[in-house]
Amino acid sequence: MNDLFKEDELEVLREIGQRLRFIRKKRELTQELLAAKAGFSRSYYSDIETGKRNISILNLCKLTIALDITLSELLEPVKDYAAKKELIAANAMDSYERSCSR
């Protein structure tokens, strides 16, 4: 999978996995229990949580139902990551433009 995705895309998968893990632990659920509630095997869920799976929207929805959260609550850190990445890109462009005008 690493050959198919750029590093920033892999970071999004890791962010989603970290968020799922945080919410799962906050709800005091094991991977086995959450996976069963969502209709997944534990190994498939573990791969999602560790960022090794490119999970579908439908499966994300199953997890949000199992966790009793909204999809936007789950994806909030990813939105923050995208905003931070956009800010970094804008700052890099400003630096480049300043260096070209010298």
Protein backbone atom coordinates (compact mmCIF):
# COMPACT_ATOMS: atom_id res chain seq x y z
CA MET A 1 0.00 0.00 0.00
CA ASN A 2 2.83 2.43 0.75
CA ASP A 3 3.84 2.39 -2.92
CA LEU A 4 0.35 3.52 -3.96
CA PHE A 5 -0.04 6.48 -1.61
CA LYS A 6 1.92 9.62 -1.06
CA GLU A 7 3.16 10.24 2.46
CA ASP A 8 0.55 12.94 3.12
CA GLU A 9 -2.24 10.56 2.12
CA LEU A 10 -0.86 7.95 4.50
CA GLU A 11 -0.81 10.61 7.22
CA VAL A 12 -4.57 11.11 6.76
CA LEU A 13 -5.14 7.38 7.27
CA ARG A 14 -2.97 7.45 10.40
CA GLU A 15 -4.87 10.49 11.72
CA ILE A 16 -8.20 8.70 11.27
CA GLY A 17 -6.81 5.60 12.97
CA GLN A 18 -5.49 7.62 15.90
CA ARG A 19 -8.84 9.36 16.28
CA LEU A 20 -10.68 6.02 16.23
CA ARG A 21 -8.33 4.62 18.85
CA PHE A 22 -8.80 7.66 21.09
CA ILE A 23 -12.61 7.47 20.89
CA ARG A 24 -12.62 3.67 21.32
CA LYS A 25 -10.50 3.89 24.45
CA LYS A 26 -12.55 6.80 25.79
CA ARG A 27 -15.61 4.57 25.46
CA GLU A 28 -13.69 1.72 27.13
CA LEU A 29 -14.15 -0.62 24.17
CA THR A 30 -11.71 -3.28 23.04
CA GLN A 31 -10.78 -3.59 19.39
CA GLU A 32 -12.66 -6.90 19.34
CA LEU A 33 -15.86 -5.38 20.70
CA LEU A 34 -15.86 -2.34 18.43
CA ALA A 35 -15.02 -4.48 15.41
CA ALA A 36 -17.93 -6.81 16.22
CA LYS A 37 -20.33 -3.87 16.71
CA ALA A 38 -19.32 -2.51 13.28
CA GLY A 39 -19.40 -5.94 11.60
CA PHE A 40 -15.63 -6.21 11.02
CA SER A 41 -12.98 -8.71 11.99
CA ARG A 42 -10.62 -7.56 14.72
CA SER A 43 -7.64 -7.76 12.36
CA TYR A 44 -9.37 -5.55 9.76
CA TYR A 45 -10.24 -3.01 12.45
CA SER A 46 -6.70 -3.12 13.81
CA ASP A 47 -5.37 -2.31 10.34
CA ILE A 48 -7.71 0.70 10.18
CA GLU A 49 -6.60 1.93 13.59
CA THR A 50 -2.93 1.66 12.64
CA GLY A 51 -3.46 3.46 9.30
CA LYS A 52 -2.74 0.40 7.17
CA ARG A 53 -6.17 0.33 5.49
CA ASN A 54 -7.75 2.82 3.13
CA ILE A 55 -11.18 2.50 4.72
CA SER A 56 -14.29 3.21 2.65
CA ILE A 57 -16.83 5.86 3.51
CA LEU A 58 -19.43 3.15 4.16
CA ASN A 59 -17.17 1.42 6.68
CA LEU A 60 -16.39 4.76 8.34
CA CYS A 61 -20.15 5.24 8.71
CA LYS A 62 -20.48 1.79 10.31
CA LEU A 63 -17.83 2.77 12.85
CA THR A 64 -19.48 6.10 13.63
CA ILE A 65 -22.76 4.29 14.27
CA ALA A 66 -20.99 1.76 16.50
CA LEU A 67 -19.30 4.60 18.40
CA ASP A 68 -22.43 6.79 18.46
CA ILE A 69 -20.64 9.78 16.90
CA THR A 70 -21.05 11.75 13.69
CA LEU A 71 -18.76 11.40 10.72
CA SER A 72 -17.72 15.04 11.14
CA GLU A 73 -16.68 14.34 14.76
CA LEU A 74 -14.49 11.50 13.53
CA LEU A 75 -12.92 13.52 10.72
CA GLU A 76 -12.31 16.74 12.68
CA PRO A 77 -8.54 16.09 13.11
CA VAL A 78 -8.22 15.39 9.38
CA LYS A 79 -9.77 18.78 8.64
CA ASP A 80 -7.25 20.36 11.01
CA TYR A 81 -4.43 18.49 9.25
CA ALA A 82 -5.60 19.74 5.84
CA ALA A 83 -5.79 23.33 7.11
CA LYS A 84 -2.31 23.07 8.63
CA LYS A 85 -0.93 21.64 5.38
CA GLU A 86 -2.54 24.49 3.41
CA LEU A 87 -0.99 27.05 5.76
CA ILE A 88 2.46 25.45 5.40
CA ALA A 89 2.12 25.51 1.61
CA ALA A 90 1.09 29.19 1.65
CA ASN A 91 4.05 30.09 3.87
CA ALA A 92 6.42 28.19 1.58
CA MET A 93 5.05 30.06 -1.44
CA ASP A 94 5.52 33.41 0.33
CA SER A 95 9.14 32.52 1.14
CA TYR A 96 9.74 31.46 -2.46
CA GLU A 97 8.24 34.66 -3.85
CA ARG A 98 10.37 36.78 -1.49
CA SER A 99 13.54 34.96 -2.56
CA CYS A 100 12.71 35.48 -6.24
CA SER A 101 12.17 39.22 -5.83
CA ARG A 102 15.69 39.81 -4.48
